[in-house]
């Protein structure tokens, strides 16, 4: 049985869309992240947390580009 105090690990699959002027580039990206065991996990909160952690980790990329992140799936592992 899962210990509610332990962090829970997830793998998100993102579709990243980056725009430079009139050019658009897309890429799929897998990203592993953790949330505290007490984190209220519903699909929307989990998707927002995955995006927040990814953006925080890669903050320098987001400063000079117009990037969108779409969550394709999230799986617990």
C-alpha atoms as a PDB file:
ATOM      1  CA  UNK A   1       0.000   0.000   0.000  1.00  0.00           C
ATOM      2  CA  UNK A   2       1.281   3.505  -0.821  1.00  0.00           C
ATOM      3  CA  UNK A   3       2.617   5.590   2.039  1.00  0.00           C
ATOM      4  CA  UNK A   4       0.761   8.951   1.825  1.00  0.00           C
ATOM      5  CA  UNK A   5       3.830  10.784   3.177  1.00  0.00           C
ATOM      6  CA  UNK A   6       6.198   9.629   0.423  1.00  0.00           C
ATOM      7  CA  UNK A   7       6.754  11.649  -2.727  1.00  0.00           C
ATOM      8  CA  UNK A   8       5.013  10.281  -5.795  1.00  0.00           C
ATOM      9  CA  UNK A   9       6.845  10.080  -9.119  1.00  0.00           C
ATOM     10  CA  UNK A  10       5.200  10.778 -12.475  1.00  0.00           C
ATOM     11  CA  UNK A  11       6.233  10.918 -16.109  1.00  0.00           C
ATOM     12  CA  UNK A  12       4.585  13.555 -18.274  1.00  0.00           C
ATOM     13  CA  UNK A  13       4.598  13.596 -22.052  1.00  0.00           C
ATOM     14  CA  UNK A  14       4.552  17.157 -23.382  1.00  0.00           C
ATOM     15  CA  UNK A  15       4.063  18.635 -26.808  1.00  0.00           C
ATOM     16  CA  UNK A  16       6.262  21.732 -26.904  1.00  0.00           C
ATOM     17  CA  UNK A  17       5.558  24.395 -29.469  1.00  0.00           C
ATOM     18  CA  UNK A  18       8.184  27.134 -29.929  1.00  0.00           C
ATOM     19  CA  UNK A  19       7.645  30.213 -32.064  1.00  0.00           C
ATOM     20  CA  UNK A  20      10.335  32.458 -33.537  1.00  0.00           C
ATOM     21  CA  UNK A  21       8.800  35.291 -35.515  1.00  0.00           C
ATOM     22  CA  UNK A  22       6.696  33.462 -38.142  1.00  0.00           C
ATOM     23  CA  UNK A  23       8.332  30.042 -37.669  1.00  0.00           C
ATOM     24  CA  UNK A  24       6.895  27.349 -35.414  1.00  0.00           C
ATOM     25  CA  UNK A  25       8.686  24.232 -34.208  1.00  0.00           C
ATOM     26  CA  UNK A  26       7.105  21.357 -32.276  1.00  0.00           C
ATOM     27  CA  UNK A  27       8.645  18.545 -30.289  1.00  0.00           C
ATOM     28  CA  UNK A  28       7.515  15.771 -27.950  1.00  0.00           C
ATOM     29  CA  UNK A  29       9.302  15.737 -24.611  1.00  0.00           C
ATOM     30  CA  UNK A  30       9.169  13.250 -21.742  1.00  0.00           C
ATOM     31  CA  UNK A  31       9.650  14.765 -18.303  1.00  0.00           C
ATOM     32  CA  UNK A  32       9.860  13.004 -14.936  1.00  0.00           C
ATOM     33  CA  UNK A  33       8.794  14.875 -11.809  1.00  0.00           C
ATOM     34  CA  UNK A  34       7.731  14.313  -8.217  1.00  0.00           C
ATOM     35  CA  UNK A  35       5.001  15.727  -6.042  1.00  0.00           C
ATOM     36  CA  UNK A  36       4.685  15.456  -2.251  1.00  0.00           C
ATOM     37  CA  UNK A  37       2.588  12.542  -1.024  1.00  0.00           C
ATOM     38  CA  UNK A  38      -0.034  14.911   0.395  1.00  0.00           C
ATOM     39  CA  UNK A  39      -0.380  16.801  -2.932  1.00  0.00           C
ATOM     40  CA  UNK A  40      -4.043  16.931  -3.989  1.00  0.00           C
ATOM     41  CA  UNK A  41      -3.886  14.969  -7.210  1.00  0.00           C
ATOM     42  CA  UNK A  42      -6.553  15.575  -9.781  1.00  0.00           C
ATOM     43  CA  UNK A  43      -5.736  15.623 -13.483  1.00  0.00           C
ATOM     44  CA  UNK A  44      -5.765  19.409 -13.866  1.00  0.00           C
ATOM     45  CA  UNK A  45      -3.588  20.077 -10.795  1.00  0.00           C
ATOM     46  CA  UNK A  46      -1.127  17.383 -11.841  1.00  0.00           C
ATOM     47  CA  UNK A  47      -0.839  18.797 -15.382  1.00  0.00           C
ATOM     48  CA  UNK A  48      -0.284  22.324 -14.044  1.00  0.00           C
ATOM     49  CA  UNK A  49       2.344  21.092 -11.572  1.00  0.00           C
ATOM     50  CA  UNK A  50       4.191  19.190 -14.329  1.00  0.00           C
ATOM     51  CA  UNK A  51       4.255  22.315 -16.522  1.00  0.00           C
ATOM     52  CA  UNK A  52       5.327  24.533 -13.600  1.00  0.00           C
ATOM     53  CA  UNK A  53       8.232  22.265 -12.664  1.00  0.00           C
ATOM     54  CA  UNK A  54       9.353  21.928 -16.296  1.00  0.00           C
ATOM     55  CA  UNK A  55       9.282  25.707 -16.821  1.00  0.00           C
ATOM     56  CA  UNK A  56      11.153  26.319 -13.539  1.00  0.00           C
ATOM     57  CA  UNK A  57      13.836  23.812 -14.535  1.00  0.00           C
ATOM     58  CA  UNK A  58      14.262  25.344 -18.024  1.00  0.00           C
ATOM     59  CA  UNK A  59      13.533  28.977 -17.149  1.00  0.00           C
ATOM     60  CA  UNK A  60      16.309  30.346 -19.399  1.00  0.00           C
ATOM     61  CA  UNK A  61      14.638  28.831 -22.491  1.00  0.00           C
ATOM     62  CA  UNK A  62      11.319  30.493 -21.729  1.00  0.00           C
ATOM     63  CA  UNK A  63      12.779  33.995 -21.314  1.00  0.00           C
ATOM     64  CA  UNK A  64      13.484  34.709 -24.993  1.00  0.00           C
ATOM     65  CA  UNK A  65      10.970  32.477 -26.744  1.00  0.00           C
ATOM     66  CA  UNK A  66       7.249  32.179 -27.176  1.00  0.00           C
ATOM     67  CA  UNK A  67       6.740  28.581 -26.043  1.00  0.00           C
ATOM     68  CA  UNK A  68       3.557  26.648 -25.383  1.00  0.00           C
ATOM     69  CA  UNK A  69       3.332  23.389 -23.467  1.00  0.00           C
ATOM     70  CA  UNK A  70       0.526  20.902 -23.968  1.00  0.00           C
ATOM     71  CA  UNK A  71       0.300  17.841 -21.701  1.00  0.00           C
ATOM     72  CA  UNK A  72      -0.361  14.735 -23.775  1.00  0.00           C
ATOM     73  CA  UNK A  73      -0.321  12.251 -20.887  1.00  0.00           C
ATOM     74  CA  UNK A  74       0.852  11.704 -17.316  1.00  0.00           C
ATOM     75  CA  UNK A  75       1.654   8.296 -15.853  1.00  0.00           C
ATOM     76  CA  UNK A  76       2.600   7.349 -12.310  1.00  0.00           C
ATOM     77  CA  UNK A  77       5.632   5.082 -11.960  1.00  0.00           C
END
